[in-house]
């Protein structure tokens, strides 16, 4: 499996919006809330807008967003 290292918060937010249908909801400090509705279910994720996200943090964001890591990495 390819590595999920080296992604900035800004890059993750951009990919989630452009390729996975998430929209900006709000921001509190450096944390940005994105949301989408899929299959009648509302999915909300909080992404820290940091210079580089920890691998575990990104993995959890993708899990909450119901996005497979290999699909996410293809969009980089």
PDB file of N, CA and C in Angstrom:
ATOM      1  N   UNK A   1       0.845  -1.178   0.000  1.00  0.00           N
ATOM      2  CA  UNK A   1       0.000   0.000   0.000  1.00  0.00           C
ATOM      3  C   UNK A   1       0.892   1.244   0.000  1.00  0.00           C
ATOM      4  N   UNK A   2       0.626   2.222  -0.883  1.00  0.00           N
ATOM      5  CA  UNK A   2       1.406   3.450  -0.905  1.00  0.00           C
ATOM      6  C   UNK A   2       1.247   4.223   0.401  1.00  0.00           C
ATOM      7  N   UNK A   3       2.208   5.075   0.657  1.00  0.00           N
ATOM      8  CA  UNK A   3       2.239   5.831   1.911  1.00  0.00           C
ATOM      9  C   UNK A   3       1.295   7.030   1.867  1.00  0.00           C
ATOM     10  N   UNK A   4       0.728   7.336   3.007  1.00  0.00           N
ATOM     11  CA  UNK A   4      -0.143   8.503   3.161  1.00  0.00           C
ATOM     12  C   UNK A   4       0.627   9.667   3.782  1.00  0.00           C
ATOM     13  N   UNK A   5       1.924   9.676   3.642  1.00  0.00           N
ATOM     14  CA  UNK A   5       2.748  10.715   4.262  1.00  0.00           C
ATOM     15  C   UNK A   5       2.927  11.902   3.318  1.00  0.00           C
ATOM     16  N   UNK A   6       3.194  13.058   3.889  1.00  0.00           N
ATOM     17  CA  UNK A   6       3.558  14.237   3.117  1.00  0.00           C
ATOM     18  C   UNK A   6       2.404  15.063   2.603  1.00  0.00           C
ATOM     19  N   UNK A   7       1.201  14.851   3.097  1.00  0.00           N
ATOM     20  CA  UNK A   7       0.058  15.643   2.669  1.00  0.00           C
ATOM     21  C   UNK A   7      -0.143  16.807   3.628  1.00  0.00           C
ATOM     22  N   UNK A   8      -0.360  17.988   3.088  1.00  0.00           N
ATOM     23  CA  UNK A   8      -0.709  19.135   3.921  1.00  0.00           C
ATOM     24  C   UNK A   8      -2.225  19.157   4.094  1.00  0.00           C
ATOM     25  N   UNK A   9      -2.679  19.867   5.104  1.00  0.00           N
ATOM     26  CA  UNK A   9      -4.117  20.009   5.311  1.00  0.00           C
ATOM     27  C   UNK A   9      -4.784  20.664   4.119  1.00  0.00           C
ATOM     28  N   UNK A  10      -4.140  21.663   3.554  1.00  0.00           N
ATOM     29  CA  UNK A  10      -4.678  22.371   2.400  1.00  0.00           C
ATOM     30  C   UNK A  10      -4.842  21.432   1.197  1.00  0.00           C
ATOM     31  N   UNK A  11      -3.863  20.566   0.993  1.00  0.00           N
ATOM     32  CA  UNK A  11      -3.919  19.613  -0.114  1.00  0.00           C
ATOM     33  C   UNK A  11      -5.053  18.609   0.089  1.00  0.00           C
ATOM     34  N   UNK A  12      -5.208  18.109   1.310  1.00  0.00           N
ATOM     35  CA  UNK A  12      -6.278  17.154   1.609  1.00  0.00           C
ATOM     36  C   UNK A  12      -7.643  17.809   1.395  1.00  0.00           C
ATOM     37  N   UNK A  13      -7.811  19.028   1.860  1.00  0.00           N
ATOM     38  CA  UNK A  13      -9.072  19.757   1.700  1.00  0.00           C
ATOM     39  C   UNK A  13      -9.397  19.929   0.217  1.00  0.00           C
ATOM     40  N   UNK A  14      -8.408  20.300  -0.565  1.00  0.00           N
ATOM     41  CA  UNK A  14      -8.599  20.494  -1.997  1.00  0.00           C
ATOM     42  C   UNK A  14      -9.027  19.202  -2.685  1.00  0.00           C
ATOM     43  N   UNK A  15      -8.361  18.096  -2.385  1.00  0.00           N
ATOM     44  CA  UNK A  15      -8.702  16.805  -2.986  1.00  0.00           C
ATOM     45  C   UNK A  15     -10.104  16.375  -2.580  1.00  0.00           C
ATOM     46  N   UNK A  16     -10.441  16.550  -1.316  1.00  0.00           N
ATOM     47  CA  UNK A  16     -11.760  16.135  -0.831  1.00  0.00           C
ATOM     48  C   UNK A  16     -12.869  16.938  -1.514  1.00  0.00           C
ATOM     49  N   UNK A  17     -12.628  18.220  -1.754  1.00  0.00           N
ATOM     50  CA  UNK A  17     -13.640  19.051  -2.392  1.00  0.00           C
ATOM     51  C   UNK A  17     -13.753  18.756  -3.890  1.00  0.00           C
ATOM     52  N   UNK A  18     -12.632  18.656  -4.577  1.00  0.00           N
ATOM     53  CA  UNK A  18     -12.645  18.489  -6.031  1.00  0.00           C
ATOM     54  C   UNK A  18     -13.079  17.100  -6.471  1.00  0.00           C
ATOM     55  N   UNK A  19     -12.670  16.072  -5.745  1.00  0.00           N
ATOM     56  CA  UNK A  19     -12.846  14.713  -6.234  1.00  0.00           C
ATOM     57  C   UNK A  19     -13.865  13.877  -5.458  1.00  0.00           C
ATOM     58  N   UNK A  20     -14.215  14.287  -4.255  1.00  0.00           N
ATOM     59  CA  UNK A  20     -15.093  13.448  -3.445  1.00  0.00           C
ATOM     60  C   UNK A  20     -16.367  14.159  -3.000  1.00  0.00           C
ATOM     61  N   UNK A  21     -16.625  15.368  -3.511  1.00  0.00           N
ATOM     62  CA  UNK A  21     -17.903  16.028  -3.294  1.00  0.00           C
ATOM     63  C   UNK A  21     -18.115  16.698  -1.953  1.00  0.00           C
ATOM     64  N   UNK A  22     -17.059  16.921  -1.192  1.00  0.00           N
ATOM     65  CA  UNK A  22     -17.209  17.602   0.097  1.00  0.00           C
ATOM     66  C   UNK A  22     -17.258  19.106  -0.121  1.00  0.00           C
ATOM     67  N   UNK A  23     -17.992  19.796   0.746  1.00  0.00           N
ATOM     68  CA  UNK A  23     -18.097  21.255   0.682  1.00  0.00           C
ATOM     69  C   UNK A  23     -17.679  21.845   2.030  1.00  0.00           C
ATOM     70  N   UNK A  24     -17.122  23.037   1.961  1.00  0.00           N
ATOM     71  CA  UNK A  24     -16.707  23.767   3.163  1.00  0.00           C
ATOM     72  C   UNK A  24     -17.944  24.143   3.963  1.00  0.00           C
ATOM     73  N   UNK A  25     -17.885  23.914   5.291  1.00  0.00           N
ATOM     74  CA  UNK A  25     -18.995  24.276   6.174  1.00  0.00           C
ATOM     75  C   UNK A  25     -18.585  25.410   7.096  1.00  0.00           C
ATOM     76  N   UNK A  26     -17.449  25.226   7.793  1.00  0.00           N
ATOM     77  CA  UNK A  26     -17.007  26.246   8.738  1.00  0.00           C
ATOM     78  C   UNK A  26     -15.546  26.028   9.082  1.00  0.00           C
ATOM     79  N   UNK A  27     -15.012  27.015   9.794  1.00  0.00           N
ATOM     80  CA  UNK A  27     -13.632  26.922  10.267  1.00  0.00           C
ATOM     81  C   UNK A  27     -13.560  27.482  11.671  1.00  0.00           C
ATOM     82  N   UNK A  28     -12.812  26.787  12.512  1.00  0.00           N
ATOM     83  CA  UNK A  28     -12.577  27.259  13.875  1.00  0.00           C
ATOM     84  C   UNK A  28     -11.088  27.103  14.131  1.00  0.00           C
ATOM     85  N   UNK A  29     -10.396  28.214  14.178  1.00  0.00           N
ATOM     86  CA  UNK A  29      -8.943  28.161  14.297  1.00  0.00           C
ATOM     87  C   UNK A  29      -8.358  27.569  13.032  1.00  0.00           C
ATOM     88  N   UNK A  30      -7.510  26.559  13.177  1.00  0.00           N
ATOM     89  CA  UNK A  30      -6.898  25.929  12.008  1.00  0.00           C
ATOM     90  C   UNK A  30      -7.651  24.677  11.562  1.00  0.00           C
ATOM     91  N   UNK A  31      -8.807  24.415  12.140  1.00  0.00           N
ATOM     92  CA  UNK A  31      -9.556  23.207  11.801  1.00  0.00           C
ATOM     93  C   UNK A  31     -10.736  23.557  10.898  1.00  0.00           C
ATOM     94  N   UNK A  32     -10.807  22.854   9.771  1.00  0.00           N
ATOM     95  CA  UNK A  32     -11.814  23.132   8.761  1.00  0.00           C
ATOM     96  C   UNK A  32     -12.802  21.974   8.694  1.00  0.00           C
ATOM     97  N   UNK A  33     -14.078  22.309   8.689  1.00  0.00           N
ATOM     98  CA  UNK A  33     -15.140  21.304   8.647  1.00  0.00           C
ATOM     99  C   UNK A  33     -15.659  21.197   7.220  1.00  0.00           C
ATOM    100  N   UNK A  34     -15.654  19.955   6.698  1.00  0.00           N
ATOM    101  CA  UNK A  34     -16.207  19.662   5.385  1.00  0.00           C
ATOM    102  C   UNK A  34     -17.368  18.692   5.556  1.00  0.00           C
ATOM    103  N   UNK A  35     -18.327  18.754   4.626  1.00  0.00           N
ATOM    104  CA  UNK A  35     -19.499  17.896   4.748  1.00  0.00           C
ATOM    105  C   UNK A  35     -19.998  17.506   3.359  1.00  0.00           C
ATOM    106  N   UNK A  36     -20.590  16.315   3.274  1.00  0.00           N
ATOM    107  CA  UNK A  36     -21.301  15.897   2.067  1.00  0.00           C
ATOM    108  C   UNK A  36     -22.424  14.959   2.467  1.00  0.00           C
ATOM    109  N   UNK A  37     -23.417  14.851   1.592  1.00  0.00           N
ATOM    110  CA  UNK A  37     -24.524  13.930   1.796  1.00  0.00           C
ATOM    111  C   UNK A  37     -24.399  12.849   0.734  1.00  0.00           C
ATOM    112  N   UNK A  38     -24.344  11.599   1.181  1.00  0.00           N
ATOM    113  CA  UNK A  38     -24.230  10.461   0.265  1.00  0.00           C
ATOM    114  C   UNK A  38     -25.174   9.363   0.736  1.00  0.00           C
ATOM    115  N   UNK A  39     -26.008   8.888  -0.164  1.00  0.00           N
ATOM    116  CA  UNK A  39     -26.955   7.810   0.149  1.00  0.00           C
ATOM    117  C   UNK A  39     -27.828   8.141   1.350  1.00  0.00           C
ATOM    118  N   UNK A  40     -28.260   9.386   1.457  1.00  0.00           N
ATOM    119  CA  UNK A  40     -29.111   9.799   2.562  1.00  0.00           C
ATOM    120  C   UNK A  40     -28.387   9.971   3.881  1.00  0.00           C
ATOM    121  N   UNK A  41     -27.079   9.836   3.879  1.00  0.00           N
ATOM    122  CA  UNK A  41     -26.267   9.955   5.090  1.00  0.00           C
ATOM    123  C   UNK A  41     -25.383  11.201   5.000  1.00  0.00           C
ATOM    124  N   UNK A  42     -25.334  11.977   6.056  1.00  0.00           N
ATOM    125  CA  UNK A  42     -24.463  13.149   6.099  1.00  0.00           C
ATOM    126  C   UNK A  42     -23.116  12.744   6.678  1.00  0.00           C
ATOM    127  N   UNK A  43     -22.063  13.062   5.935  1.00  0.00           N
ATOM    128  CA  UNK A  43     -20.707  12.736   6.366  1.00  0.00           C
ATOM    129  C   UNK A  43     -19.981  14.047   6.640  1.00  0.00           C
ATOM    130  N   UNK A  44     -19.472  14.198   7.849  1.00  0.00           N
ATOM    131  CA  UNK A  44     -18.749  15.391   8.253  1.00  0.00           C
ATOM    132  C   UNK A  44     -17.344  15.002   8.686  1.00  0.00           C
ATOM    133  N   UNK A  45     -16.358  15.742   8.198  1.00  0.00           N
ATOM    134  CA  UNK A  45     -14.975  15.511   8.614  1.00  0.00           C
ATOM    135  C   UNK A  45     -14.345  16.841   9.012  1.00  0.00           C
ATOM    136  N   UNK A  46     -13.465  16.762   9.987  1.00  0.00           N
ATOM    137  CA  UNK A  46     -12.706  17.921  10.446  1.00  0.00           C
ATOM    138  C   UNK A  46     -11.262  17.705  10.013  1.00  0.00           C
ATOM    139  N   UNK A  47     -10.705  18.673   9.293  1.00  0.00           N
ATOM    140  CA  UNK A  47      -9.343  18.554   8.794  1.00  0.00           C
ATOM    141  C   UNK A  47      -8.506  19.694   9.360  1.00  0.00           C
ATOM    142  N   UNK A  48      -7.424  19.362  10.092  1.00  0.00           N
ATOM    143  CA  UNK A  48      -6.533  20.413  10.577  1.00  0.00           C
ATOM    144  C   UNK A  48      -5.742  20.985   9.403  1.00  0.00           C
ATOM    145  N   UNK A  49      -5.771  22.270   9.255  1.00  0.00           N
ATOM    146  CA  UNK A  49      -5.062  22.926   8.149  1.00  0.00           C
ATOM    147  C   UNK A  49      -3.609  23.155   8.557  1.00  0.00           C
ATOM    148  N   UNK A  50      -2.877  22.058   8.698  1.00  0.00           N
ATOM    149  CA  UNK A  50      -1.479  22.112   9.127  1.00  0.00           C
ATOM    150  C   UNK A  50      -0.552  21.893   7.938  1.00  0.00           C
ATOM    151  N   UNK A  51       0.703  22.248   8.129  1.00  0.00           N
ATOM    152  CA  UNK A  51       1.698  22.123   7.058  1.00  0.00           C
ATOM    153  C   UNK A  51       1.825  20.681   6.588  1.00  0.00           C
ATOM    154  N   UNK A  52       1.841  19.730   7.519  1.00  0.00           N
ATOM    155  CA  UNK A  52       1.874  18.314   7.170  1.00  0.00           C
ATOM    156  C   UNK A  52       1.054  17.539   8.184  1.00  0.00           C
ATOM    157  N   UNK A  53       0.152  16.694   7.680  1.00  0.00           N
ATOM    158  CA  UNK A  53      -0.689  15.887   8.555  1.00  0.00           C
ATOM    159  C   UNK A  53       0.026  14.582   8.894  1.00  0.00           C
ATOM    160  N   UNK A  54      -0.124  14.141  10.124  1.00  0.00           N
ATOM    161  CA  UNK A  54       0.416  12.848  10.531  1.00  0.00           C
ATOM    162  C   UNK A  54      -0.317  11.761   9.749  1.00  0.00           C
ATOM    163  N   UNK A  55       0.376  10.691   9.462  1.00  0.00           N
ATOM    164  CA  UNK A  55      -0.196   9.589   8.684  1.00  0.00           C
ATOM    165  C   UNK A  55      -1.453   9.033   9.335  1.00  0.00           C
ATOM    166  N   UNK A  56      -1.426   8.837  10.639  1.00  0.00           N
ATOM    167  CA  UNK A  56      -2.594   8.316  11.357  1.00  0.00           C
ATOM    168  C   UNK A  56      -3.769   9.269  11.304  1.00  0.00           C
ATOM    169  N   UNK A  57      -3.492  10.559  11.369  1.00  0.00           N
ATOM    170  CA  UNK A  57      -4.553  11.566  11.284  1.00  0.00           C
ATOM    171  C   UNK A  57      -5.231  11.494   9.923  1.00  0.00           C
ATOM    172  N   UNK A  58      -4.429  11.435   8.865  1.00  0.00           N
ATOM    173  CA  UNK A  58      -4.990  11.350   7.521  1.00  0.00           C
ATOM    174  C   UNK A  58      -5.762  10.043   7.332  1.00  0.00           C
ATOM    175  N   UNK A  59      -5.236   8.955   7.843  1.00  0.00           N
ATOM    176  CA  UNK A  59      -5.926   7.669   7.732  1.00  0.00           C
ATOM    177  C   UNK A  59      -7.303   7.750   8.413  1.00  0.00           C
ATOM    178  N   UNK A  60      -7.381   8.375   9.580  1.00  0.00           N
ATOM    179  CA  UNK A  60      -8.659   8.521  10.287  1.00  0.00           C
ATOM    180  C   UNK A  60      -9.624   9.439   9.548  1.00  0.00           C
ATOM    181  N   UNK A  61      -9.108  10.504   8.948  1.00  0.00           N
ATOM    182  CA  UNK A  61      -9.953  11.412   8.166  1.00  0.00           C
ATOM    183  C   UNK A  61     -10.578  10.647   6.998  1.00  0.00           C
ATOM    184  N   UNK A  62      -9.761   9.859   6.302  1.00  0.00           N
ATOM    185  CA  UNK A  62     -10.264   9.093   5.160  1.00  0.00           C
ATOM    186  C   UNK A  62     -11.285   8.047   5.611  1.00  0.00           C
ATOM    187  N   UNK A  63     -11.046   7.430   6.758  1.00  0.00           N
ATOM    188  CA  UNK A  63     -11.993   6.446   7.288  1.00  0.00           C
ATOM    189  C   UNK A  63     -13.339   7.109   7.591  1.00  0.00           C
ATOM    190  N   UNK A  64     -13.301   8.254   8.256  1.00  0.00           N
ATOM    191  CA  UNK A  64     -14.528   8.979   8.584  1.00  0.00           C
ATOM    192  C   UNK A  64     -15.250   9.446   7.324  1.00  0.00           C
ATOM    193  N   UNK A  65     -14.466   9.810   6.300  1.00  0.00           N
ATOM    194  CA  UNK A  65     -15.038  10.302   5.044  1.00  0.00           C
ATOM    195  C   UNK A  65     -15.518   9.175   4.145  1.00  0.00           C
ATOM    196  N   UNK A  66     -15.251   7.931   4.544  1.00  0.00           N
ATOM    197  CA  UNK A  66     -15.605   6.747   3.764  1.00  0.00           C
ATOM    198  C   UNK A  66     -14.955   6.781   2.389  1.00  0.00           C
ATOM    199  N   UNK A  67     -13.660   7.170   2.388  1.00  0.00           N
ATOM    200  CA  UNK A  67     -12.854   7.230   1.174  1.00  0.00           C
ATOM    201  C   UNK A  67     -11.708   6.242   1.337  1.00  0.00           C
ATOM    202  N   UNK A  68     -11.536   5.361   0.357  1.00  0.00           N
ATOM    203  CA  UNK A  68     -10.436   4.412   0.416  1.00  0.00           C
ATOM    204  C   UNK A  68      -9.123   5.118   0.109  1.00  0.00           C
ATOM    205  N   UNK A  69      -8.080   4.746   0.832  1.00  0.00           N
ATOM    206  CA  UNK A  69      -6.796   5.424   0.693  1.00  0.00           C
ATOM    207  C   UNK A  69      -6.231   5.317  -0.718  1.00  0.00           C
ATOM    208  N   UNK A  70      -6.423   4.172  -1.396  1.00  0.00           N
ATOM    209  CA  UNK A  70      -5.881   4.050  -2.748  1.00  0.00           C
ATOM    210  C   UNK A  70      -6.597   5.000  -3.715  1.00  0.00           C
ATOM    211  N   UNK A  71      -7.904   5.226  -3.553  1.00  0.00           N
ATOM    212  CA  UNK A  71      -8.624   6.192  -4.379  1.00  0.00           C
ATOM    213  C   UNK A  71      -8.145   7.611  -4.084  1.00  0.00           C
ATOM    214  N   UNK A  72      -7.891   7.896  -2.829  1.00  0.00           N
ATOM    215  CA  UNK A  72      -7.404   9.207  -2.444  1.00  0.00           C
ATOM    216  C   UNK A  72      -6.035   9.473  -3.051  1.00  0.00           C
ATOM    217  N   UNK A  73      -5.145   8.489  -2.967  1.00  0.00           N
ATOM    218  CA  UNK A  73      -3.784   8.662  -3.493  1.00  0.00           C
ATOM    219  C   UNK A  73      -3.766   8.830  -5.009  1.00  0.00           C
ATOM    220  N   UNK A  74      -4.715   8.239  -5.707  1.00  0.00           N
ATOM    221  CA  UNK A  74      -4.805   8.394  -7.163  1.00  0.00           C
ATOM    222  C   UNK A  74      -5.092   9.841  -7.558  1.00  0.00           C
ATOM    223  N   UNK A  75      -5.732  10.592  -6.685  1.00  0.00           N
ATOM    224  CA  UNK A  75      -6.148  11.972  -6.988  1.00  0.00           C
ATOM    225  C   UNK A  75      -5.057  12.996  -6.730  1.00  0.00           C
ATOM    226  N   UNK A  76      -3.950  12.581  -6.150  1.00  0.00           N
ATOM    227  CA  UNK A  76      -2.897  13.542  -5.807  1.00  0.00           C
ATOM    228  C   UNK A  76      -2.291  14.174  -7.010  1.00  0.00           C
TER     229      UNK A  76
END
